[in-house]
Amino acid sequence: ENLPSLGYAKRIHLMNPMVPGLNGDKMSSSVEDSKIDLLDTLDQVKKKLENAFCEPGNIEDNGILAFCKSVIFPLLTGNAFIIPRGADYGGPMSIHDYKELEEGFAKQEIHPGDLKNAVTTSINQLLEPILKDFETEEMQKIILNAYPAPV
């Protein structure tokens, strides 16, 4: 608020929620399996989520739930989040908001494996067009120049 009186433009602060890492600890760029990168392959996403901390009924420091809250549900824009399950386990679940997901998980109505599979599918659907764009020769050059191979 004082910057304009000193001749500077007013500052804008962009804030975003702190999302825990997939390992249940803080997300860190130095801990590869604690985060999903925009250029992770579909198999890398699946492997990271299979190994993610997601204890039955535990909603604290749960990176899978945090990802749902901060990424998946905001992008659903009124559509349901589908958790596929076999008929023996009650069939597919349609979740309409994050609160419903969190409550169902806390009551252990949603199995961690089922949630991980649904999140894997959702993330891979989000990343597929990005990965496709980065397959071009031009983008490969940009990546190589930005992140050269170690010598």
C-alpha atoms as a PDB file:
ATOM      1  CA  GLU A   1       0.000   0.000   0.000  1.00  0.00           C
ATOM      2  CA  ASN A   2       2.975   2.330   0.528  1.00  0.00           C
ATOM      3  CA  LEU A   3       4.775   1.593  -2.739  1.00  0.00           C
ATOM      4  CA  PRO A   4       2.828   4.124  -4.890  1.00  0.00           C
ATOM      5  CA  SER A   5       3.728   6.934  -2.472  1.00  0.00           C
ATOM      6  CA  LEU A   6       7.397   6.013  -3.035  1.00  0.00           C
ATOM      7  CA  GLY A   7       7.023   6.131  -6.825  1.00  0.00           C
ATOM      8  CA  TYR A   8       6.639   2.382  -7.355  1.00  0.00           C
ATOM      9  CA  ALA A   9       3.707   0.553  -8.910  1.00  0.00           C
ATOM     10  CA  LYS A  10       1.360  -1.255  -6.568  1.00  0.00           C
ATOM     11  CA  ARG A  11       2.376  -4.910  -6.207  1.00  0.00           C
ATOM     12  CA  ILE A  12       0.157  -7.859  -6.895  1.00  0.00           C
ATOM     13  CA  HIS A  13       0.572 -11.074  -4.929  1.00  0.00           C
ATOM     14  CA  LEU A  14      -0.553 -14.322  -6.487  1.00  0.00           C
ATOM     15  CA  MET A  15      -1.204 -16.938  -3.842  1.00  0.00           C
ATOM     16  CA  ASN A  16      -1.938 -20.609  -4.195  1.00  0.00           C
ATOM     17  CA  PRO A  17      -2.587 -23.312  -1.620  1.00  0.00           C
ATOM     18  CA  MET A  18       0.295 -25.404  -0.354  1.00  0.00           C
ATOM     19  CA  VAL A  19      -0.343 -28.927  -1.562  1.00  0.00           C
ATOM     20  CA  PRO A  20       1.379 -31.785   0.248  1.00  0.00           C
ATOM     21  CA  GLY A  21       3.566 -34.075  -1.794  1.00  0.00           C
ATOM     22  CA  LEU A  22       2.446 -37.506  -2.906  1.00  0.00           C
ATOM     23  CA  ASN A  23       4.629 -39.021  -0.188  1.00  0.00           C
ATOM     24  CA  GLY A  24       2.594 -37.314   2.564  1.00  0.00           C
ATOM     25  CA  ASP A  25       5.364 -34.813   3.259  1.00  0.00           C
ATOM     26  CA  LYS A  26       5.877 -31.423   1.627  1.00  0.00           C
ATOM     27  CA  MET A  27       6.112 -31.365  -2.140  1.00  0.00           C
ATOM     28  CA  SER A  28       9.684 -30.877  -3.275  1.00  0.00           C
ATOM     29  CA  SER A  29      11.268 -30.597  -6.700  1.00  0.00           C
ATOM     30  CA  SER A  30      14.257 -32.515  -5.329  1.00  0.00           C
ATOM     31  CA  VAL A  31      12.078 -35.499  -4.342  1.00  0.00           C
ATOM     32  CA  GLU A  32      11.028 -36.838  -7.735  1.00  0.00           C
ATOM     33  CA  ASP A  33       8.163 -39.039  -6.531  1.00  0.00           C
ATOM     34  CA  SER A  34       6.582 -36.307  -4.390  1.00  0.00           C
ATOM     35  CA  LYS A  35       5.130 -34.455  -7.381  1.00  0.00           C
ATOM     36  CA  ILE A  36       3.564 -34.825 -10.795  1.00  0.00           C
ATOM     37  CA  ASP A  37       5.423 -32.984 -13.553  1.00  0.00           C
ATOM     38  CA  LEU A  38       3.544 -31.658 -16.567  1.00  0.00           C
ATOM     39  CA  LEU A  39       5.790 -33.766 -18.795  1.00  0.00           C
ATOM     40  CA  ASP A  40       5.542 -37.019 -16.820  1.00  0.00           C
ATOM     41  CA  THR A  41       4.581 -39.909 -19.068  1.00  0.00           C
ATOM     42  CA  LEU A  42       1.353 -41.780 -18.434  1.00  0.00           C
ATOM     43  CA  ASP A  43       3.358 -44.655 -16.938  1.00  0.00           C
ATOM     44  CA  GLN A  44       5.341 -42.310 -14.672  1.00  0.00           C
ATOM     45  CA  VAL A  45       2.101 -40.813 -13.338  1.00  0.00           C
ATOM     46  CA  LYS A  46       0.696 -44.279 -12.677  1.00  0.00           C
ATOM     47  CA  LYS A  47       3.854 -45.409 -10.864  1.00  0.00           C
ATOM     48  CA  LYS A  48       4.050 -42.253  -8.735  1.00  0.00           C
ATOM     49  CA  LEU A  49       0.411 -42.546  -7.702  1.00  0.00           C
ATOM     50  CA  GLU A  50       0.683 -46.273  -6.972  1.00  0.00           C
ATOM     51  CA  ASN A  51       3.491 -45.450  -4.521  1.00  0.00           C
ATOM     52  CA  ALA A  52       1.802 -42.358  -3.052  1.00  0.00           C
ATOM     53  CA  PHE A  53       0.850 -42.163   0.615  1.00  0.00           C
ATOM     54  CA  CYS A  54      -2.892 -42.787   0.831  1.00  0.00           C
ATOM     55  CA  GLU A  55      -3.687 -44.599   4.076  1.00  0.00           C
ATOM     56  CA  PRO A  56      -7.300 -45.860   4.364  1.00  0.00           C
ATOM     57  CA  GLY A  57      -9.472 -43.289   6.131  1.00  0.00           C
ATOM     58  CA  ASN A  58      -6.588 -40.844   6.687  1.00  0.00           C
ATOM     59  CA  ILE A  59      -7.356 -37.420   5.223  1.00  0.00           C
ATOM     60  CA  GLU A  60      -4.345 -35.656   6.801  1.00  0.00           C
ATOM     61  CA  ASP A  61      -1.248 -35.038   4.657  1.00  0.00           C
ATOM     62  CA  ASN A  62      -2.829 -37.115   1.903  1.00  0.00           C
ATOM     63  CA  GLY A  63      -1.306 -35.924  -1.370  1.00  0.00           C
ATOM     64  CA  ILE A  64      -3.890 -37.793  -3.444  1.00  0.00           C
ATOM     65  CA  LEU A  65      -6.803 -36.014  -1.749  1.00  0.00           C
ATOM     66  CA  ALA A  66      -4.953 -32.690  -1.885  1.00  0.00           C
ATOM     67  CA  PHE A  67      -4.455 -33.123  -5.627  1.00  0.00           C
ATOM     68  CA  CYS A  68      -8.165 -33.840  -6.009  1.00  0.00           C
ATOM     69  CA  LYS A  69      -9.065 -30.712  -4.044  1.00  0.00           C
ATOM     70  CA  SER A  70      -6.623 -28.338  -5.740  1.00  0.00           C
ATOM     71  CA  VAL A  71      -6.513 -29.664  -9.301  1.00  0.00           C
ATOM     72  CA  ILE A  72      -9.151 -32.203 -10.269  1.00  0.00           C
ATOM     73  CA  PHE A  73     -12.334 -30.792  -8.700  1.00  0.00           C
ATOM     74  CA  PRO A  74     -11.733 -27.192  -9.854  1.00  0.00           C
ATOM     75  CA  LEU A  75     -11.418 -28.502 -13.423  1.00  0.00           C
ATOM     76  CA  LEU A  76     -14.535 -30.688 -13.344  1.00  0.00           C
ATOM     77  CA  THR A  77     -16.806 -27.646 -13.799  1.00  0.00           C
ATOM     78  CA  GLY A  78     -19.982 -29.329 -12.651  1.00  0.00           C
ATOM     79  CA  ASN A  79     -19.173 -32.822 -13.896  1.00  0.00           C
ATOM     80  CA  ALA A  80     -18.919 -35.761 -11.530  1.00  0.00           C
ATOM     81  CA  PHE A  81     -15.632 -37.381 -10.535  1.00  0.00           C
ATOM     82  CA  ILE A  82     -16.053 -41.067 -11.354  1.00  0.00           C
ATOM     83  CA  ILE A  83     -14.339 -43.730  -9.272  1.00  0.00           C
ATOM     84  CA  PRO A  84     -14.575 -46.986 -11.220  1.00  0.00           C
ATOM     85  CA  ARG A  85     -15.109 -50.073  -9.072  1.00  0.00           C
ATOM     86  CA  GLY A  86     -16.168 -53.605  -9.814  1.00  0.00           C
ATOM     87  CA  ALA A  87     -19.753 -54.670  -9.163  1.00  0.00           C
ATOM     88  CA  ASP A  88     -18.526 -56.803  -6.245  1.00  0.00           C
ATOM     89  CA  TYR A  89     -17.368 -53.582  -4.555  1.00  0.00           C
ATOM     90  CA  GLY A  90     -20.508 -51.526  -5.158  1.00  0.00           C
ATOM     91  CA  GLY A  91     -19.926 -50.466  -8.751  1.00  0.00           C
ATOM     92  CA  PRO A  92     -18.729 -47.069  -9.949  1.00  0.00           C
ATOM     93  CA  MET A  93     -19.093 -44.068  -7.649  1.00  0.00           C
ATOM     94  CA  SER A  94     -20.038 -40.576  -8.847  1.00  0.00           C
ATOM     95  CA  ILE A  95     -18.608 -37.898  -6.583  1.00  0.00           C
ATOM     96  CA  HIS A  96     -19.974 -34.386  -7.110  1.00  0.00           C
ATOM     97  CA  ASP A  97     -17.761 -32.264  -4.867  1.00  0.00           C
ATOM     98  CA  TYR A  98     -14.569 -32.496  -2.862  1.00  0.00           C
ATOM     99  CA  LYS A  99     -16.346 -32.569   0.506  1.00  0.00           C
ATOM    100  CA  GLU A 100     -18.248 -35.694  -0.579  1.00  0.00           C
ATOM    101  CA  LEU A 101     -14.965 -37.339  -1.623  1.00  0.00           C
ATOM    102  CA  GLU A 102     -13.204 -36.467   1.631  1.00  0.00           C
ATOM    103  CA  GLU A 103     -16.114 -37.692   3.769  1.00  0.00           C
ATOM    104  CA  GLY A 104     -16.390 -40.947   1.817  1.00  0.00           C
ATOM    105  CA  PHE A 105     -12.661 -41.533   2.119  1.00  0.00           C
ATOM    106  CA  ALA A 106     -12.642 -40.730   5.856  1.00  0.00           C
ATOM    107  CA  LYS A 107     -15.483 -43.245   6.400  1.00  0.00           C
ATOM    108  CA  GLN A 108     -13.495 -45.764   4.319  1.00  0.00           C
ATOM    109  CA  GLU A 109     -16.299 -46.025   1.769  1.00  0.00           C
ATOM    110  CA  ILE A 110     -13.642 -45.319  -0.872  1.00  0.00           C
ATOM    111  CA  HIS A 111     -10.640 -47.644  -1.067  1.00  0.00           C
ATOM    112  CA  PRO A 112      -7.229 -45.989  -1.604  1.00  0.00           C
ATOM    113  CA  GLY A 113      -6.549 -48.224  -4.619  1.00  0.00           C
ATOM    114  CA  ASP A 114      -9.810 -47.183  -6.277  1.00  0.00           C
ATOM    115  CA  LEU A 115      -9.103 -43.512  -5.581  1.00  0.00           C
ATOM    116  CA  LYS A 116      -5.558 -43.792  -6.935  1.00  0.00           C
ATOM    117  CA  ASN A 117      -6.843 -45.420 -10.135  1.00  0.00           C
ATOM    118  CA  ALA A 118      -9.445 -42.686 -10.651  1.00  0.00           C
ATOM    119  CA  VAL A 119      -6.903 -39.926  -9.992  1.00  0.00           C
ATOM    120  CA  THR A 120      -4.400 -41.577 -12.351  1.00  0.00           C
ATOM    121  CA  THR A 121      -7.017 -41.577 -15.109  1.00  0.00           C
ATOM    122  CA  SER A 122      -7.933 -37.933 -14.459  1.00  0.00           C
ATOM    123  CA  ILE A 123      -4.339 -36.702 -14.366  1.00  0.00           C
ATOM    124  CA  ASN A 124      -3.428 -38.606 -17.500  1.00  0.00           C
ATOM    125  CA  GLN A 125      -6.428 -37.101 -19.312  1.00  0.00           C
ATOM    126  CA  LEU A 126      -5.174 -33.650 -18.283  1.00  0.00           C
ATOM    127  CA  LEU A 127      -1.579 -34.325 -19.313  1.00  0.00           C
ATOM    128  CA  GLU A 128      -2.219 -36.120 -22.616  1.00  0.00           C
ATOM    129  CA  PRO A 129      -2.669 -32.962 -24.742  1.00  0.00           C
ATOM    130  CA  ILE A 130       0.357 -31.335 -23.091  1.00  0.00           C
ATOM    131  CA  LEU A 131       2.530 -34.367 -23.799  1.00  0.00           C
ATOM    132  CA  LYS A 132       1.299 -34.422 -27.394  1.00  0.00           C
ATOM    133  CA  ASP A 133       2.257 -30.754 -27.863  1.00  0.00           C
ATOM    134  CA  PHE A 134       5.725 -31.443 -26.467  1.00  0.00           C
ATOM    135  CA  GLU A 135       6.377 -34.244 -28.972  1.00  0.00           C
ATOM    136  CA  THR A 136       7.043 -31.739 -31.754  1.00  0.00           C
ATOM    137  CA  GLU A 137      10.605 -31.214 -32.938  1.00  0.00           C
ATOM    138  CA  GLU A 138      10.434 -27.530 -32.001  1.00  0.00           C
ATOM    139  CA  MET A 139       9.428 -28.289 -28.402  1.00  0.00           C
ATOM    140  CA  GLN A 140      12.070 -31.007 -28.096  1.00  0.00           C
ATOM    141  CA  LYS A 141      14.725 -28.431 -29.073  1.00  0.00           C
ATOM    142  CA  ILE A 142      13.391 -25.997 -26.491  1.00  0.00           C
ATOM    143  CA  ILE A 143      13.478 -28.672 -23.768  1.00  0.00           C
ATOM    144  CA  LEU A 144      16.993 -29.739 -24.733  1.00  0.00           C
ATOM    145  CA  ASN A 145      18.214 -26.128 -24.634  1.00  0.00           C
ATOM    146  CA  ALA A 146      16.442 -25.413 -21.347  1.00  0.00           C
ATOM    147  CA  TYR A 147      17.548 -28.645 -19.674  1.00  0.00           C
ATOM    148  CA  PRO A 148      20.778 -29.843 -21.308  1.00  0.00           C
ATOM    149  CA  ALA A 149      21.964 -33.361 -20.567  1.00  0.00           C
ATOM    150  CA  PRO A 150      24.520 -33.523 -17.722  1.00  0.00           C
ATOM    151  CA  VAL A 151      28.127 -33.621 -18.882  1.00  0.00           C
END
